Amino acid sequence: MVNTTPHLLAEDRPDFDRALDEALRDARLTEALRAPGPHLNAAQLRTKAASLADTIAAAAEPEYQRYTALRDAGPPAPLGLTDRLRSEEGAGLLPVLTVLTPILAGSGGVLLLLIGYAVRGAAPELPLAHAVVTAGWISLAVGGAALLVGIVGLLLTALRDGAAGTGGQEGDLAEAHRLWQIALRERALLPWLLANLHTEPAPLPAPRATTRPGPPGYSSPGFTSPGTEGVTGADGHTPRPAEFTGPGYTSPDFTGPDEV
């Protein structure tokens, strides 16, 4: 397993491997690999580069730092309605009118209605009372319409700015990632691969000699057959057994019966 330093985070190791594969397919390197003479092959170069990923990636450190900083920052938080209103204060006359018109029209309409109904209750025959009441209702309608238009406008602006902000953040992050990949391939991997093409591959470790214990030595105990009649001489040699002779046999004298 390859150890990585903080210069190359674990989640970015697949990007390093992809850039390494692209560098190994580069025409400059493949041409050098086809040249005669002793040199490492592509598999040996890849293994050696993968074991030194942190050292090689350090050559593209500025681009990598920018990429990780944008990635860690994340997308901007969306603004609430109050924050949106505050941000629109210096944007021009239209946003100010969008906020103030519903307030002024609504409050004016309520005031006119109160006055009109009060006058009509006191003197119903006066035509001024009906005009004031009508003006009050018109003012309330204008205020309601202005409020509705203002809310819709704020929502559309928030959605547009939010989409633009998110798209801009994602675009910056993608561009930073692309620049890091280019720097990693062109300024880090390719020079290293070309410089280490003619180095000797690391020797494989010699296998450790292991001896398997054999079975314990076994020797059959000495066995000697007993000598003649189980007797062994004083000099340790068994005397030659005596020759066997059968018992002496003589046929008995045989005479026929006395003739009568």
Protein backbone atom coordinates (compact mmCIF):
# COMPACT_ATOMS: atom_id res chain seq x y z
CA MET A 1 0.00 0.00 0.00
CA VAL A 2 1.31 3.43 -1.00
CA ASN A 3 1.54 6.08 1.67
CA THR A 4 0.30 9.53 0.68
CA THR A 5 1.29 12.82 2.22
CA PRO A 6 -1.10 15.74 2.84
CA HIS A 7 -0.03 17.10 -0.58
CA LEU A 8 -2.12 14.37 -2.22
CA LEU A 9 -5.32 13.45 -0.39
CA ALA A 10 -6.72 9.95 -0.56
CA GLU A 11 -9.82 11.01 -2.51
CA ASP A 12 -7.57 12.51 -5.21
CA ARG A 13 -5.49 9.36 -5.74
CA PRO A 14 -7.77 8.10 -8.58
CA ASP A 15 -7.17 11.40 -10.40
CA PHE A 16 -3.42 10.84 -10.07
CA ASP A 17 -3.76 7.32 -11.46
CA ARG A 18 -5.77 8.59 -14.44
CA ALA A 19 -3.18 11.28 -15.15
CA LEU A 20 -0.46 8.63 -14.91
CA ASP A 21 -2.24 6.45 -17.47
CA GLU A 22 -2.56 9.44 -19.82
CA ALA A 23 1.13 10.25 -19.40
CA LEU A 24 2.11 6.66 -20.18
CA ARG A 25 0.11 6.91 -23.43
CA ASP A 26 1.77 10.18 -24.42
CA ALA A 27 3.54 10.06 -27.79
CA ARG A 28 6.81 11.37 -26.34
CA LEU A 29 6.99 8.56 -23.83
CA THR A 30 5.82 5.78 -26.14
CA GLU A 31 8.49 6.80 -28.65
CA ALA A 32 11.13 6.63 -25.94
CA LEU A 33 9.84 3.22 -24.90
CA ARG A 34 10.23 1.92 -28.46
CA ALA A 35 13.85 3.09 -28.66
CA PRO A 36 16.48 0.31 -28.55
CA GLY A 37 18.58 -0.18 -25.49
CA PRO A 38 18.00 -1.22 -21.92
CA HIS A 39 15.24 0.70 -20.17
CA LEU A 40 12.18 0.12 -18.04
CA ASN A 41 8.94 -0.90 -19.67
CA ALA A 42 5.58 0.83 -19.16
CA ALA A 43 4.47 -1.52 -16.38
CA GLN A 44 7.67 -0.99 -14.42
CA LEU A 45 7.41 2.79 -14.84
CA ARG A 46 3.82 2.76 -13.64
CA THR A 47 4.64 0.71 -10.56
CA LYS A 48 7.55 2.94 -9.67
CA ALA A 49 5.58 6.16 -10.23
CA ALA A 50 2.64 4.89 -8.18
CA SER A 51 4.93 4.23 -5.24
CA LEU A 52 6.21 7.84 -5.38
CA ALA A 53 2.87 9.57 -5.99
CA ASP A 54 3.29 12.17 -3.24
CA THR A 55 6.76 13.18 -4.44
CA ILE A 56 5.76 13.46 -8.10
CA ALA A 57 2.52 15.35 -7.38
CA ALA A 58 4.43 18.01 -5.46
CA ALA A 59 5.52 19.52 -8.80
CA ALA A 60 1.90 20.57 -9.42
CA GLU A 61 1.33 21.85 -5.89
CA PRO A 62 0.03 25.39 -6.71
CA GLU A 63 -2.75 24.13 -8.98
CA TYR A 64 -3.64 21.41 -6.49
CA GLN A 65 -3.90 23.87 -3.61
CA ARG A 66 -6.27 26.09 -5.58
CA TYR A 67 -8.41 23.13 -6.57
CA THR A 68 -8.73 21.81 -3.02
CA ALA A 69 -9.43 25.30 -1.65
CA LEU A 70 -12.37 25.74 -4.04
CA ARG A 71 -13.63 22.26 -3.29
CA ASP A 72 -13.49 22.77 0.46
CA ALA A 73 -15.27 26.14 0.21
CA GLY A 74 -18.44 24.53 -1.16
CA PRO A 75 -21.37 26.34 -2.82
CA PRO A 76 -22.44 29.71 -1.34
CA ALA A 77 -25.38 29.73 1.06
CA PRO A 78 -28.62 31.11 -0.46
CA LEU A 79 -29.78 34.52 0.82
CA GLY A 80 -33.04 34.86 2.72
CA LEU A 81 -35.74 37.40 1.89
CA THR A 82 -34.43 39.97 4.39
CA ASP A 83 -30.88 39.62 3.12
CA ARG A 84 -32.14 39.91 -0.44
CA LEU A 85 -33.94 43.16 0.40
CA ARG A 86 -30.82 44.55 2.04
CA SER A 87 -28.71 43.63 -0.96
CA GLU A 88 -31.11 45.47 -3.25
CA GLU A 89 -30.99 48.78 -1.33
CA GLY A 90 -28.32 50.34 -3.53
CA ALA A 91 -29.33 48.63 -6.76
CA GLY A 92 -31.47 51.52 -8.13
CA LEU A 93 -34.91 53.12 -7.95
CA LEU A 94 -36.95 50.16 -9.15
CA PRO A 95 -36.15 47.82 -6.24
CA VAL A 96 -36.88 50.66 -3.78
CA LEU A 97 -40.27 51.31 -5.39
CA THR A 98 -40.99 47.60 -5.39
CA VAL A 99 -40.57 47.55 -1.62
CA LEU A 100 -42.12 50.91 -0.72
CA THR A 101 -45.19 50.92 -3.01
CA PRO A 102 -47.11 48.13 -1.23
CA ILE A 103 -46.42 49.72 2.15
CA LEU A 104 -47.48 53.24 1.15
CA ALA A 105 -50.47 52.15 -0.92
CA GLY A 106 -51.70 49.78 1.75
CA SER A 107 -51.40 52.19 4.61
CA GLY A 108 -52.96 55.00 2.54
CA GLY A 109 -55.86 52.81 1.50
CA VAL A 110 -56.62 51.83 5.07
CA LEU A 111 -56.53 55.47 6.15
CA LEU A 112 -58.83 56.56 3.32
CA LEU A 113 -61.30 53.82 4.13
CA LEU A 114 -61.43 54.85 7.75
CA ILE A 115 -62.04 58.48 6.84
CA GLY A 116 -64.57 57.65 4.14
CA TYR A 117 -66.65 55.34 6.28
CA ALA A 118 -66.52 57.81 9.15
CA VAL A 119 -67.75 60.67 6.93
CA ARG A 120 -70.44 58.50 5.36
CA GLY A 121 -71.65 57.46 8.76
CA ALA A 122 -71.83 61.05 9.92
CA ALA A 123 -73.28 62.55 6.73
CA PRO A 124 -74.42 59.91 4.24
CA GLU A 125 -75.72 62.49 1.84
CA LEU A 126 -72.27 63.94 1.21
CA PRO A 127 -70.76 62.68 -2.10
CA LEU A 128 -67.27 63.18 -0.65
CA ALA A 129 -67.70 60.18 1.61
CA HIS A 130 -68.32 57.84 -1.32
CA ALA A 131 -65.30 59.22 -3.18
CA VAL A 132 -63.02 58.75 -0.19
CA VAL A 133 -64.19 55.16 0.31
CA THR A 134 -63.67 54.41 -3.39
CA ALA A 135 -60.17 55.92 -3.26
CA GLY A 136 -59.37 53.79 -0.23
CA TRP A 137 -60.32 50.56 -1.99
CA ILE A 138 -58.36 51.53 -5.08
CA SER A 139 -55.32 52.30 -2.95
CA LEU A 140 -55.56 48.90 -1.26
CA ALA A 141 -55.81 47.17 -4.64
CA VAL A 142 -52.76 49.01 -5.92
CA GLY A 143 -50.84 48.10 -2.78
CA GLY A 144 -51.82 44.42 -3.09
CA ALA A 145 -50.83 44.30 -6.75
CA ALA A 146 -47.50 46.01 -6.00
CA LEU A 147 -46.86 43.56 -3.17
CA LEU A 148 -47.56 40.61 -5.44
CA VAL A 149 -45.31 41.97 -8.19
CA GLY A 150 -42.55 42.66 -5.67
CA ILE A 151 -42.68 39.14 -4.24
CA VAL A 152 -42.59 37.52 -7.68
CA GLY A 153 -39.71 39.77 -8.73
CA LEU A 154 -37.69 38.95 -5.63
CA LEU A 155 -38.25 35.22 -6.10
CA LEU A 156 -37.19 35.32 -9.75
CA THR A 157 -34.11 37.37 -8.90
CA ALA A 158 -33.17 34.98 -6.11
CA LEU A 159 -33.56 31.97 -8.38
CA ARG A 160 -31.54 33.60 -11.16
CA ASP A 161 -28.74 34.72 -8.86
CA GLY A 162 -28.69 31.38 -7.08
CA ALA A 163 -28.41 29.48 -10.35
CA ALA A 164 -25.72 31.86 -11.59
CA GLY A 165 -23.80 31.60 -8.31
CA THR A 166 -23.96 27.81 -8.24
CA GLY A 167 -23.02 27.53 -11.89
CA GLY A 168 -20.12 29.91 -11.41
CA GLN A 169 -18.86 27.99 -8.40
CA GLU A 170 -19.09 24.66 -10.23
CA GLY A 171 -17.43 26.17 -13.29
CA ASP A 172 -14.52 27.51 -11.25
CA LEU A 173 -14.10 24.15 -9.53
CA ALA A 174 -14.14 22.25 -12.82
CA GLU A 175 -11.62 24.67 -14.33
CA ALA A 176 -9.32 24.36 -11.31
CA HIS A 177 -9.50 20.57 -11.56
CA ARG A 178 -8.68 20.68 -15.28
CA LEU A 179 -5.67 22.95 -14.71
CA TRP A 180 -4.38 20.67 -11.97
CA GLN A 181 -4.66 17.62 -14.21
CA ILE A 182 -2.72 19.39 -16.97
CA ALA A 183 0.01 20.51 -14.58
CA LEU A 184 0.16 17.04 -13.05
CA ARG A 185 0.61 15.40 -16.42
CA GLU A 186 2.84 17.94 -18.18
CA ARG A 187 4.92 19.36 -15.36
CA ALA A 188 5.09 16.44 -12.95
CA LEU A 189 4.50 13.01 -14.46
CA LEU A 190 5.96 13.25 -17.96
CA PRO A 191 9.31 14.80 -16.89
CA TRP A 192 9.62 12.23 -14.11
CA LEU A 193 8.80 9.28 -16.38
CA LEU A 194 11.29 10.40 -19.05
CA ALA A 195 13.99 11.03 -16.45
CA ASN A 196 13.53 7.60 -14.85
CA LEU A 197 13.15 5.60 -18.05
CA HIS A 198 16.71 4.26 -17.99
CA THR A 199 16.98 3.52 -14.28
CA GLU A 200 17.45 0.00 -13.07
CA PRO A 201 14.36 -1.70 -11.67
CA ALA A 202 14.43 -2.36 -7.98
CA PRO A 203 15.70 -5.88 -7.30
CA LEU A 204 13.25 -8.31 -5.87
CA PRO A 205 13.99 -9.38 -2.31
CA ALA A 206 15.71 -12.73 -2.09
CA PRO A 207 13.48 -15.45 -0.69
CA ARG A 208 14.32 -16.44 2.82
CA ALA A 209 15.81 -19.90 3.10
CA THR A 210 13.65 -22.17 5.16
CA THR A 211 14.71 -25.63 6.33
CA ARG A 212 12.06 -28.11 7.14
CA PRO A 213 13.01 -30.25 10.09
CA GLY A 214 13.21 -33.89 9.09
CA PRO A 215 12.19 -36.88 11.22
CA PRO A 216 14.47 -37.67 14.14
CA GLY A 217 17.35 -40.03 13.35
CA TYR A 218 16.49 -43.66 13.72
CA SER A 219 18.86 -46.54 13.96
CA SER A 220 17.85 -50.11 14.53
CA PRO A 221 19.24 -51.62 17.66
CA GLY A 222 22.00 -54.12 17.19
CA PHE A 223 20.77 -57.65 17.14
CA THR A 224 22.83 -60.76 17.35
CA SER A 225 21.54 -64.18 17.47
CA PRO A 226 22.65 -66.12 20.40
CA GLY A 227 25.55 -68.49 19.89
CA THR A 228 25.50 -72.14 20.33
CA GLU A 229 23.15 -72.87 23.13
CA GLY A 230 22.93 -69.09 23.79
CA VAL A 231 26.52 -68.88 24.96
CA THR A 232 28.91 -66.12 23.84
CA GLY A 233 32.59 -66.45 24.31
CA ALA A 234 34.69 -64.15 26.49
CA ASP A 235 36.21 -62.47 23.43
CA GLY A 236 32.75 -61.36 22.23
CA HIS A 237 32.62 -63.84 19.38
CA THR A 238 30.09 -66.52 19.13
CA PRO A 239 31.72 -69.93 18.87
CA ARG A 240 30.96 -71.93 15.80
CA PRO A 241 28.11 -74.23 16.48
CA ALA A 242 29.09 -77.84 16.90
CA GLU A 243 28.38 -80.14 14.08
CA PHE A 244 25.32 -82.25 14.55
CA THR A 245 25.69 -85.95 14.59
CA GLY A 246 22.79 -88.23 14.92
CA PRO A 247 22.72 -90.70 17.83
CA GLY A 248 24.45 -93.97 17.28
CA TYR A 249 22.18 -96.75 16.18
CA THR A 250 22.87 -100.42 16.05
CA SER A 251 20.33 -102.89 14.99
CA PRO A 252 19.63 -105.57 17.66
CA ASP A 253 20.80 -109.00 17.03
CA PHE A 254 18.02 -110.98 15.57
CA THR A 255 17.83 -114.74 15.70
CA GLY A 256 14.99 -116.79 14.65
CA PRO A 257 13.17 -118.97 17.16
CA ASP A 258 14.83 -122.22 18.16
CA GLU A 259 13.78 -124.92 15.91
CA VAL A 260 11.86 -127.50 17.81
